[in-house]
PDB file of all heavy atoms in Angstrom:
ATOM      1  N   LEU A   1     -13.374   1.680  -9.004  1.00  0.00           N
ATOM      2  CA  LEU A   1     -14.459   0.707  -9.062  1.00  0.00           C
ATOM      3  C   LEU A   1     -15.307   0.773  -7.805  1.00  0.00           C
ATOM      4  O   LEU A   1     -14.792   0.767  -6.701  1.00  0.00           O
ATOM      5  CB  LEU A   1     -13.889  -0.713  -9.187  1.00  0.00           C
ATOM      6  CG  LEU A   1     -13.017  -0.996 -10.388  1.00  0.00           C
ATOM      7  CD1 LEU A   1     -12.462  -2.405 -10.302  1.00  0.00           C
ATOM      8  CD2 LEU A   1     -13.807  -0.826 -11.664  1.00  0.00           C
ATOM      9  N   ARG A   2     -16.603   0.844  -7.973  1.00  0.00           N
ATOM     10  CA  ARG A   2     -17.533   0.751  -6.856  1.00  0.00           C
ATOM     11  C   ARG A   2     -17.943  -0.706  -6.756  1.00  0.00           C
ATOM     12  O   ARG A   2     -18.377  -1.304  -7.731  1.00  0.00           O
ATOM     13  CB  ARG A   2     -18.766   1.617  -7.093  1.00  0.00           C
ATOM     14  CG  ARG A   2     -18.449   3.045  -7.464  1.00  0.00           C
ATOM     15  CD  ARG A   2     -18.380   3.924  -6.238  1.00  0.00           C
ATOM     16  NE  ARG A   2     -18.269   5.319  -6.611  1.00  0.00           N
ATOM     17  CZ  ARG A   2     -17.150   5.995  -6.580  1.00  0.00           C
ATOM     18  NH1 ARG A   2     -16.050   5.411  -6.218  1.00  0.00           N
ATOM     19  NH2 ARG A   2     -17.098   7.262  -6.901  1.00  0.00           N
ATOM     20  N   LEU A   3     -17.817  -1.286  -5.581  1.00  0.00           N
ATOM     21  CA  LEU A   3     -18.061  -2.709  -5.398  1.00  0.00           C
ATOM     22  C   LEU A   3     -19.281  -2.971  -4.544  1.00  0.00           C
ATOM     23  O   LEU A   3     -19.640  -2.146  -3.704  1.00  0.00           O
ATOM     24  CB  LEU A   3     -16.837  -3.354  -4.732  1.00  0.00           C
ATOM     25  CG  LEU A   3     -15.521  -3.205  -5.488  1.00  0.00           C
ATOM     26  CD1 LEU A   3     -14.367  -3.680  -4.616  1.00  0.00           C
ATOM     27  CD2 LEU A   3     -15.568  -3.973  -6.777  1.00  0.00           C
ATOM     28  N   PRO A   4     -19.920  -4.138  -4.741  1.00  0.00           N
ATOM     29  CA  PRO A   4     -21.027  -4.521  -3.840  1.00  0.00           C
ATOM     30  C   PRO A   4     -20.513  -4.636  -2.409  1.00  0.00           C
ATOM     31  O   PRO A   4     -19.331  -4.928  -2.192  1.00  0.00           O
ATOM     32  CB  PRO A   4     -21.456  -5.892  -4.370  1.00  0.00           C
ATOM     33  CG  PRO A   4     -20.924  -5.972  -5.758  1.00  0.00           C
ATOM     34  CD  PRO A   4     -19.702  -5.113  -5.798  1.00  0.00           C
ATOM     35  N   PRO A   5     -21.362  -4.406  -1.416  1.00  0.00           N
ATOM     36  CA  PRO A   5     -20.920  -4.396  -0.014  1.00  0.00           C
ATOM     37  C   PRO A   5     -20.168  -5.656   0.419  1.00  0.00           C
ATOM     38  O   PRO A   5     -19.158  -5.569   1.109  1.00  0.00           O
ATOM     39  CB  PRO A   5     -22.217  -4.236   0.778  1.00  0.00           C
ATOM     40  CG  PRO A   5     -23.163  -3.602  -0.164  1.00  0.00           C
ATOM     41  CD  PRO A   5     -22.776  -4.073  -1.529  1.00  0.00           C
ATOM     42  N   ARG A   6     -20.608  -6.837   0.022  1.00  0.00           N
ATOM     43  CA  ARG A   6     -19.942  -8.069   0.460  1.00  0.00           C
ATOM     44  C   ARG A   6     -18.551  -8.196  -0.166  1.00  0.00           C
ATOM     45  O   ARG A   6     -17.596  -8.577   0.504  1.00  0.00           O
ATOM     46  CB  ARG A   6     -20.800  -9.289   0.111  1.00  0.00           C
ATOM     47  CG  ARG A   6     -20.193 -10.598   0.534  1.00  0.00           C
ATOM     48  CD  ARG A   6     -20.106 -10.708   2.060  1.00  0.00           C
ATOM     49  NE  ARG A   6     -19.427 -11.949   2.403  1.00  0.00           N
ATOM     50  CZ  ARG A   6     -18.438 -12.042   3.288  1.00  0.00           C
ATOM     51  NH1 ARG A   6     -18.049 -10.992   3.942  1.00  0.00           N
ATOM     52  NH2 ARG A   6     -17.868 -13.192   3.523  1.00  0.00           N
ATOM     53  N   VAL A   7     -18.435  -7.879  -1.440  1.00  0.00           N
ATOM     54  CA  VAL A   7     -17.126  -7.914  -2.109  1.00  0.00           C
ATOM     55  C   VAL A   7     -16.214  -6.860  -1.497  1.00  0.00           C
ATOM     56  O   VAL A   7     -15.030  -7.092  -1.271  1.00  0.00           O
ATOM     57  CB  VAL A   7     -17.283  -7.696  -3.627  1.00  0.00           C
ATOM     58  CG1 VAL A   7     -15.927  -7.614  -4.314  1.00  0.00           C
ATOM     59  CG2 VAL A   7     -18.121  -8.802  -4.247  1.00  0.00           C
ATOM     60  N   ASP A   8     -16.792  -5.712  -1.193  1.00  0.00           N
ATOM     61  CA  ASP A   8     -16.041  -4.638  -0.552  1.00  0.00           C
ATOM     62  C   ASP A   8     -15.465  -5.107   0.784  1.00  0.00           C
ATOM     63  O   ASP A   8     -14.304  -4.850   1.102  1.00  0.00           O
ATOM     64  CB  ASP A   8     -16.968  -3.435  -0.353  1.00  0.00           C
ATOM     65  CG  ASP A   8     -16.240  -2.218   0.131  1.00  0.00           C
ATOM     66  OD1 ASP A   8     -15.220  -1.855  -0.486  1.00  0.00           O
ATOM     67  OD2 ASP A   8     -16.690  -1.633   1.128  1.00  0.00           O
ATOM     68  N   GLN A   9     -16.274  -5.823   1.569  1.00  0.00           N
ATOM     69  CA  GLN A   9     -15.830  -6.328   2.870  1.00  0.00           C
ATOM     70  C   GLN A   9     -14.717  -7.354   2.705  1.00  0.00           C
ATOM     71  O   GLN A   9     -13.736  -7.349   3.444  1.00  0.00           O
ATOM     72  CB  GLN A   9     -17.014  -6.942   3.627  1.00  0.00           C
ATOM     73  CG  GLN A   9     -16.722  -7.208   5.074  1.00  0.00           C
ATOM     74  CD  GLN A   9     -16.411  -5.936   5.852  1.00  0.00           C
ATOM     75  OE1 GLN A   9     -16.949  -4.881   5.580  1.00  0.00           O
ATOM     76  NE2 GLN A   9     -15.527  -6.037   6.812  1.00  0.00           N
ATOM     77  N   LEU A  10     -14.846  -8.245   1.720  1.00  0.00           N
ATOM     78  CA  LEU A  10     -13.805  -9.248   1.468  1.00  0.00           C
ATOM     79  C   LEU A  10     -12.486  -8.591   1.058  1.00  0.00           C
ATOM     80  O   LEU A  10     -11.411  -8.992   1.501  1.00  0.00           O
ATOM     81  CB  LEU A  10     -14.261 -10.224   0.386  1.00  0.00           C
ATOM     82  CG  LEU A  10     -15.362 -11.194   0.780  1.00  0.00           C
ATOM     83  CD1 LEU A  10     -15.870 -11.948  -0.441  1.00  0.00           C
ATOM     84  CD2 LEU A  10     -14.876 -12.156   1.843  1.00  0.00           C
ATOM     85  N   LEU A  11     -12.574  -7.563   0.223  1.00  0.00           N
ATOM     86  CA  LEU A  11     -11.362  -6.856  -0.197  1.00  0.00           C
ATOM     87  C   LEU A  11     -10.707  -6.139   0.970  1.00  0.00           C
ATOM     88  O   LEU A  11      -9.476  -6.104   1.076  1.00  0.00           O
ATOM     89  CB  LEU A  11     -11.699  -5.858  -1.302  1.00  0.00           C
ATOM     90  CG  LEU A  11     -10.863  -5.973  -2.552  1.00  0.00           C
ATOM     91  CD1 LEU A  11     -11.142  -7.281  -3.246  1.00  0.00           C
ATOM     92  CD2 LEU A  11     -11.101  -4.823  -3.463  1.00  0.00           C
ATOM     93  N   LEU A  12     -11.512  -5.571   1.852  1.00  0.00           N
ATOM     94  CA  LEU A  12     -10.972  -4.891   3.030  1.00  0.00           C
ATOM     95  C   LEU A  12     -10.237  -5.889   3.927  1.00  0.00           C
ATOM     96  O   LEU A  12      -9.129  -5.599   4.408  1.00  0.00           O
ATOM     97  CB  LEU A  12     -12.084  -4.192   3.807  1.00  0.00           C
ATOM     98  CG  LEU A  12     -11.655  -3.342   4.993  1.00  0.00           C
ATOM     99  CD1 LEU A  12     -10.726  -2.219   4.542  1.00  0.00           C
ATOM    100  CD2 LEU A  12     -12.874  -2.767   5.694  1.00  0.00           C
ATOM    101  N   GLU A  13     -10.817  -7.077   4.117  1.00  0.00           N
ATOM    102  CA  GLU A  13     -10.151  -8.102   4.919  1.00  0.00           C
ATOM    103  C   GLU A  13      -8.838  -8.528   4.276  1.00  0.00           C
ATOM    104  O   GLU A  13      -7.825  -8.684   4.954  1.00  0.00           O
ATOM    105  CB  GLU A  13     -11.071  -9.313   5.087  1.00  0.00           C
ATOM    106  CG  GLU A  13     -12.263  -9.055   5.985  1.00  0.00           C
ATOM    107  CD  GLU A  13     -13.249 -10.207   5.987  1.00  0.00           C
ATOM    108  OE1 GLU A  13     -12.861 -11.331   5.617  1.00  0.00           O
ATOM    109  OE2 GLU A  13     -14.413  -9.974   6.351  1.00  0.00           O
ATOM    110  N   GLN A  14      -8.849  -8.726   2.944  1.00  0.00           N
ATOM    111  CA  GLN A  14      -7.631  -9.102   2.238  1.00  0.00           C
ATOM    112  C   GLN A  14      -6.583  -8.005   2.347  1.00  0.00           C
ATOM    113  O   GLN A  14      -5.393  -8.273   2.514  1.00  0.00           O
ATOM    114  CB  GLN A  14      -7.937  -9.409   0.765  1.00  0.00           C
ATOM    115  CG  GLN A  14      -6.725  -9.743  -0.065  1.00  0.00           C
ATOM    116  CD  GLN A  14      -6.009 -10.995   0.397  1.00  0.00           C
ATOM    117  OE1 GLN A  14      -6.624 -11.904   0.927  1.00  0.00           O
ATOM    118  NE2 GLN A  14      -4.705 -11.035   0.206  1.00  0.00           N
ATOM    119  N   TRP A  15      -7.005  -6.757   2.267  1.00  0.00           N
ATOM    120  CA  TRP A  15      -6.082  -5.627   2.376  1.00  0.00           C
ATOM    121  C   TRP A  15      -5.389  -5.615   3.739  1.00  0.00           C
ATOM    122  O   TRP A  15      -4.192  -5.393   3.845  1.00  0.00           O
ATOM    123  CB  TRP A  15      -6.813  -4.319   2.138  1.00  0.00           C
ATOM    124  CG  TRP A  15      -5.925  -3.127   2.261  1.00  0.00           C
ATOM    125  CD1 TRP A  15      -5.829  -2.280   3.318  1.00  0.00           C
ATOM    126  CD2 TRP A  15      -4.974  -2.661   1.313  1.00  0.00           C
ATOM    127  NE1 TRP A  15      -4.901  -1.319   3.084  1.00  0.00           N
ATOM    128  CE2 TRP A  15      -4.350  -1.521   1.853  1.00  0.00           C
ATOM    129  CE3 TRP A  15      -4.590  -3.085   0.059  1.00  0.00           C
ATOM    130  CZ2 TRP A  15      -3.369  -0.812   1.181  1.00  0.00           C
ATOM    131  CZ3 TRP A  15      -3.618  -2.374  -0.612  1.00  0.00           C
ATOM    132  CH2 TRP A  15      -3.016  -1.257  -0.051  1.00  0.00           C
ATOM    133  N   LYS A  16      -6.164  -5.876   4.790  1.00  0.00           N
ATOM    134  CA  LYS A  16      -5.595  -5.895   6.146  1.00  0.00           C
ATOM    135  C   LYS A  16      -4.569  -7.005   6.290  1.00  0.00           C
ATOM    136  O   LYS A  16      -3.506  -6.810   6.880  1.00  0.00           O
ATOM    137  CB  LYS A  16      -6.705  -6.047   7.183  1.00  0.00           C
ATOM    138  CG  LYS A  16      -7.563  -4.807   7.331  1.00  0.00           C
ATOM    139  CD  LYS A  16      -8.706  -5.040   8.291  1.00  0.00           C
ATOM    140  CE  LYS A  16      -9.589  -3.809   8.388  1.00  0.00           C
ATOM    141  NZ  LYS A  16     -10.758  -4.036   9.242  1.00  0.00           N
ATOM    142  N   ILE A  17      -4.880  -8.183   5.735  1.00  0.00           N
ATOM    143  CA  ILE A  17      -3.936  -9.309   5.803  1.00  0.00           C
ATOM    144  C   ILE A  17      -2.654  -8.982   5.053  1.00  0.00           C
ATOM    145  O   ILE A  17      -1.551  -9.205   5.552  1.00  0.00           O
ATOM    146  CB  ILE A  17      -4.591 -10.589   5.250  1.00  0.00           C
ATOM    147  CG1 ILE A  17      -5.700 -11.062   6.183  1.00  0.00           C
ATOM    148  CG2 ILE A  17      -3.554 -11.690   5.041  1.00  0.00           C
ATOM    149  CD1 ILE A  17      -6.581 -12.138   5.573  1.00  0.00           C
ATOM    150  N   SER A  18      -2.782  -8.444   3.851  1.00  0.00           N
ATOM    151  CA  SER A  18      -1.584  -8.152   3.060  1.00  0.00           C
ATOM    152  C   SER A  18      -0.790  -7.004   3.678  1.00  0.00           C
ATOM    153  O   SER A  18       0.439  -6.996   3.619  1.00  0.00           O
ATOM    154  CB  SER A  18      -1.952  -7.832   1.609  1.00  0.00           C
ATOM    155  OG  SER A  18      -2.683  -6.633   1.518  1.00  0.00           O
ATOM    156  N   ALA A  19      -1.471  -6.045   4.296  1.00  0.00           N
ATOM    157  CA  ALA A  19      -0.760  -4.934   4.941  1.00  0.00           C
ATOM    158  C   ALA A  19       0.052  -5.438   6.142  1.00  0.00           C
ATOM    159  O   ALA A  19       1.162  -4.963   6.390  1.00  0.00           O
ATOM    160  CB  ALA A  19      -1.746  -3.859   5.379  1.00  0.00           C
ATOM    161  N   GLU A  20      -0.489  -6.419   6.867  1.00  0.00           N
ATOM    162  CA  GLU A  20       0.251  -6.996   7.994  1.00  0.00           C
ATOM    163  C   GLU A  20       1.513  -7.703   7.517  1.00  0.00           C
ATOM    164  O   GLU A  20       2.574  -7.561   8.107  1.00  0.00           O
ATOM    165  CB  GLU A  20      -0.641  -7.978   8.766  1.00  0.00           C
ATOM    166  CG  GLU A  20      -1.717  -7.320   9.585  1.00  0.00           C
ATOM    167  CD  GLU A  20      -2.670  -8.320  10.208  1.00  0.00           C
ATOM    168  OE1 GLU A  20      -2.360  -9.535  10.190  1.00  0.00           O
ATOM    169  OE2 GLU A  20      -3.729  -7.897  10.694  1.00  0.00           O
ATOM    170  N   ARG A  21       1.394  -8.475   6.423  1.00  0.00           N
ATOM    171  CA  ARG A  21       2.574  -9.162   5.879  1.00  0.00           C
ATOM    172  C   ARG A  21       3.597  -8.154   5.371  1.00  0.00           C
ATOM    173  O   ARG A  21       4.798  -8.359   5.466  1.00  0.00           O
ATOM    174  CB  ARG A  21       2.174 -10.092   4.727  1.00  0.00           C
ATOM    175  CG  ARG A  21       1.516 -11.356   5.196  1.00  0.00           C
ATOM    176  CD  ARG A  21       1.327 -12.336   4.069  1.00  0.00           C
ATOM    177  NE  ARG A  21       2.603 -12.705   3.470  1.00  0.00           N
ATOM    178  CZ  ARG A  21       2.734 -13.212   2.254  1.00  0.00           C
ATOM    179  NH1 ARG A  21       1.679 -13.417   1.512  1.00  0.00           N
ATOM    180  NH2 ARG A  21       3.919 -13.532   1.787  1.00  0.00           N
ATOM    181  N   TRP A  22       3.113  -7.050   4.805  1.00  0.00           N
ATOM    182  CA  TRP A  22       3.997  -6.051   4.231  1.00  0.00           C
ATOM    183  C   TRP A  22       4.814  -5.346   5.306  1.00  0.00           C
ATOM    184  O   TRP A  22       5.967  -4.987   5.082  1.00  0.00           O
ATOM    185  CB  TRP A  22       3.182  -5.045   3.431  1.00  0.00           C
ATOM    186  CG  TRP A  22       3.977  -3.914   2.894  1.00  0.00           C
ATOM    187  CD1 TRP A  22       4.856  -3.954   1.853  1.00  0.00           C
ATOM    188  CD2 TRP A  22       3.963  -2.576   3.362  1.00  0.00           C
ATOM    189  NE1 TRP A  22       5.392  -2.714   1.647  1.00  0.00           N
ATOM    190  CE2 TRP A  22       4.864  -1.852   2.555  1.00  0.00           C
ATOM    191  CE3 TRP A  22       3.287  -1.914   4.381  1.00  0.00           C
ATOM    192  CZ2 TRP A  22       5.083  -0.493   2.741  1.00  0.00           C
ATOM    193  CZ3 TRP A  22       3.513  -0.575   4.550  1.00  0.00           C
ATOM    194  CH2 TRP A  22       4.407   0.119   3.740  1.00  0.00           C
ATOM    195  N   THR A  23       4.237  -5.148   6.495  1.00  0.00           N
ATOM    196  CA  THR A  23       4.967  -4.443   7.552  1.00  0.00           C
ATOM    197  C   THR A  23       6.237  -5.178   7.945  1.00  0.00           C
ATOM    198  O   THR A  23       7.197  -4.571   8.392  1.00  0.00           O
ATOM    199  CB  THR A  23       4.093  -4.238   8.809  1.00  0.00           C
ATOM    200  OG1 THR A  23       3.600  -5.493   9.250  1.00  0.00           O
ATOM    201  CG2 THR A  23       2.950  -3.299   8.531  1.00  0.00           C
ATOM    202  N   VAL A  24       6.244  -6.490   7.747  1.00  0.00           N
ATOM    203  CA  VAL A  24       7.444  -7.277   8.043  1.00  0.00           C
ATOM    204  C   VAL A  24       8.564  -6.957   7.061  1.00  0.00           C
ATOM    205  O   VAL A  24       9.737  -6.974   7.411  1.00  0.00           O
ATOM    206  CB  VAL A  24       7.105  -8.784   8.008  1.00  0.00           C
ATOM    207  CG1 VAL A  24       8.355  -9.633   8.177  1.00  0.00           C
ATOM    208  CG2 VAL A  24       6.081  -9.117   9.062  1.00  0.00           C
ATOM    209  N   ASN A  25       8.207  -6.609   5.836  1.00  0.00           N
ATOM    210  CA  ASN A  25       9.203  -6.440   4.782  1.00  0.00           C
ATOM    211  C   ASN A  25       9.029  -5.095   4.073  1.00  0.00           C
ATOM    212  O   ASN A  25       8.998  -5.033   2.851  1.00  0.00           O
ATOM    213  CB  ASN A  25       9.084  -7.600   3.783  1.00  0.00           C
ATOM    214  CG  ASN A  25      10.302  -7.728   2.906  1.00  0.00           C
ATOM    215  OD1 ASN A  25      11.298  -7.055   3.104  1.00  0.00           O
ATOM    216  ND2 ASN A  25      10.209  -8.588   1.921  1.00  0.00           N
ATOM    217  N   GLN A  26       8.914  -4.012   4.812  1.00  0.00           N
ATOM    218  CA  GLN A  26       8.672  -2.696   4.229  1.00  0.00           C
ATOM    219  C   GLN A  26       9.832  -2.180   3.401  1.00  0.00           C
ATOM    220  O   GLN A  26       9.640  -1.353   2.523  1.00  0.00           O
ATOM    221  CB  GLN A  26       8.364  -1.673   5.320  1.00  0.00           C
ATOM    222  CG  GLN A  26       7.006  -1.835   5.904  1.00  0.00           C
ATOM    223  CD  GLN A  26       6.704  -0.728   6.890  1.00  0.00           C
ATOM    224  OE1 GLN A  26       7.412   0.254   6.975  1.00  0.00           O
ATOM    225  NE2 GLN A  26       5.648  -0.896   7.649  1.00  0.00           N
ATOM    226  N   THR A  27      11.021  -2.631   3.661  1.00  0.00           N
ATOM    227  CA  THR A  27      12.172  -2.096   2.945  1.00  0.00           C
ATOM    228  C   THR A  27      12.186  -2.500   1.479  1.00  0.00           C
ATOM    229  O   THR A  27      12.805  -1.840   0.665  1.00  0.00           O
ATOM    230  CB  THR A  27      13.482  -2.580   3.602  1.00  0.00           C
ATOM    231  OG1 THR A  27      13.492  -4.013   3.609  1.00  0.00           O
ATOM    232  CG2 THR A  27      13.601  -2.049   5.012  1.00  0.00           C
ATOM    233  N   ALA A  28      11.493  -3.575   1.125  1.00  0.00           N
ATOM    234  CA  ALA A  28      11.536  -4.068  -0.251  1.00  0.00           C
ATOM    235  C   ALA A  28      10.516  -3.402  -1.162  1.00  0.00           C
ATOM    236  O   ALA A  28      10.649  -3.451  -2.375  1.00  0.00           O
ATOM    237  CB  ALA A  28      11.329  -5.574  -0.263  1.00  0.00           C
ATOM    238  N   SER A  29       9.485  -2.779  -0.602  1.00  0.00           N
ATOM    239  CA  SER A  29       8.433  -2.197  -1.423  1.00  0.00           C
ATOM    240  C   SER A  29       7.872  -0.967  -0.725  1.00  0.00           C
ATOM    241  O   SER A  29       7.824  -0.899   0.497  1.00  0.00           O
ATOM    242  CB  SER A  29       7.323  -3.230  -1.646  1.00  0.00           C
ATOM    243  OG  SER A  29       6.254  -2.670  -2.353  1.00  0.00           O
ATOM    244  N   THR A  30       7.430   0.000  -1.509  1.00  0.00           N
ATOM    245  CA  THR A  30       6.903   1.234  -0.917  1.00  0.00           C
ATOM    246  C   THR A  30       5.449   1.108  -0.482  1.00  0.00           C
ATOM    247  O   THR A  30       5.001   1.833   0.379  1.00  0.00           O
ATOM    248  CB  THR A  30       7.026   2.406  -1.911  1.00  0.00           C
ATOM    249  OG1 THR A  30       6.348   2.046  -3.119  1.00  0.00           O
ATOM    250  CG2 THR A  30       8.479   2.711  -2.178  1.00  0.00           C
ATOM    251  N   THR A  31       4.696   0.212  -1.103  1.00  0.00           N
ATOM    252  CA  THR A  31       3.295   0.006  -0.727  1.00  0.00           C
ATOM    253  C   THR A  31       2.983  -1.488  -0.712  1.00  0.00           C
ATOM    254  O   THR A  31       3.576  -2.254  -1.464  1.00  0.00           O
ATOM    255  CB  THR A  31       2.332   0.690  -1.731  1.00  0.00           C
ATOM    256  OG1 THR A  31       2.597   0.170  -3.032  1.00  0.00           O
ATOM    257  CG2 THR A  31       2.492   2.190  -1.722  1.00  0.00           C
ATOM    258  N   PRO A  32       2.023  -1.889   0.107  1.00  0.00           N
ATOM    259  CA  PRO A  32       1.671  -3.315   0.126  1.00  0.00           C
ATOM    260  C   PRO A  32       0.830  -3.692  -1.098  1.00  0.00           C
ATOM    261  O   PRO A  32       0.051  -2.886  -1.600  1.00  0.00           O
ATOM    262  CB  PRO A  32       0.868  -3.465   1.410  1.00  0.00           C
ATOM    263  CG  PRO A  32       0.315  -2.117   1.680  1.00  0.00           C
ATOM    264  CD  PRO A  32       1.305  -1.133   1.127  1.00  0.00           C
ATOM    265  N   TRP A  33       0.993  -4.916  -1.561  1.00  0.00           N
ATOM    266  CA  TRP A  33       0.180  -5.443  -2.647  1.00  0.00           C
ATOM    267  C   TRP A  33      -1.113  -5.984  -2.063  1.00  0.00           C
ATOM    268  O   TRP A  33      -1.127  -6.527  -0.966  1.00  0.00           O
ATOM    269  CB  TRP A  33       0.921  -6.574  -3.362  1.00  0.00           C
ATOM    270  CG  TRP A  33       2.100  -6.101  -4.142  1.00  0.00           C
ATOM    271  CD1 TRP A  33       3.393  -6.090  -3.717  1.00  0.00           C
ATOM    272  CD2 TRP A  33       2.098  -5.559  -5.442  1.00  0.00           C
ATOM    273  NE1 TRP A  33       4.206  -5.571  -4.693  1.00  0.00           N
ATOM    274  CE2 TRP A  33       3.425  -5.237  -5.777  1.00  0.00           C
ATOM    275  CE3 TRP A  33       1.104  -5.307  -6.384  1.00  0.00           C
ATOM    276  CZ2 TRP A  33       3.786  -4.678  -6.991  1.00  0.00           C
ATOM    277  CZ3 TRP A  33       1.469  -4.757  -7.599  1.00  0.00           C
ATOM    278  CH2 TRP A  33       2.785  -4.456  -7.893  1.00  0.00           C
ATOM    279  N   LEU A  34      -2.205  -5.867  -2.806  1.00  0.00           N
ATOM    280  CA  LEU A  34      -3.470  -6.429  -2.347  1.00  0.00           C
ATOM    281  C   LEU A  34      -3.372  -7.948  -2.289  1.00  0.00           C
ATOM    282  O   LEU A  34      -3.852  -8.583  -1.355  1.00  0.00           O
ATOM    283  CB  LEU A  34      -4.620  -6.013  -3.274  1.00  0.00           C
ATOM    284  CG  LEU A  34      -6.004  -6.527  -2.905  1.00  0.00           C
ATOM    285  CD1 LEU A  34      -6.390  -6.064  -1.508  1.00  0.00           C
ATOM    286  CD2 LEU A  34      -7.025  -6.078  -3.925  1.00  0.00           C
ATOM    287  N   PHE A  35      -2.715  -8.539  -3.272  1.00  0.00           N
ATOM    288  CA  PHE A  35      -2.488  -9.977  -3.307  1.00  0.00           C
ATOM    289  C   PHE A  35      -0.987 -10.217  -3.384  1.00  0.00           C
ATOM    290  O   PHE A  35      -0.430 -10.374  -4.462  1.00  0.00           O
ATOM    291  CB  PHE A  35      -3.204 -10.621  -4.495  1.00  0.00           C
ATOM    292  CG  PHE A  35      -4.693 -10.467  -4.437  1.00  0.00           C
ATOM    293  CD1 PHE A  35      -5.347  -9.542  -5.234  1.00  0.00           C
ATOM    294  CD2 PHE A  35      -5.447 -11.240  -3.570  1.00  0.00           C
ATOM    295  CE1 PHE A  35      -6.714  -9.399  -5.177  1.00  0.00           C
ATOM    296  CE2 PHE A  35      -6.816 -11.104  -3.501  1.00  0.00           C
ATOM    297  CZ  PHE A  35      -7.452 -10.178  -4.307  1.00  0.00           C
ATOM    298  N   PRO A  36      -0.326 -10.223  -2.225  1.00  0.00           N
ATOM    299  CA  PRO A  36       1.130 -10.400  -2.233  1.00  0.00           C
ATOM    300  C   PRO A  36       1.509 -11.826  -2.599  1.00  0.00           C
ATOM    301  O   PRO A  36       0.752 -12.767  -2.380  1.00  0.00           O
ATOM    302  CB  PRO A  36       1.530 -10.084  -0.786  1.00  0.00           C
ATOM    303  CG  PRO A  36       0.312 -10.380   0.014  1.00  0.00           C
ATOM    304  CD  PRO A  36      -0.856 -10.079  -0.884  1.00  0.00           C
TER     305      PRO A  36
END
């Protein structure tokens, strides 16, 4: 999906937040969820 720039920016911010939470619990999942 190609997204509008503002939606793209919001998704990138959400991805960073979920990736940070995922690093705490990497053993339970191989990849972080966008919406954990």
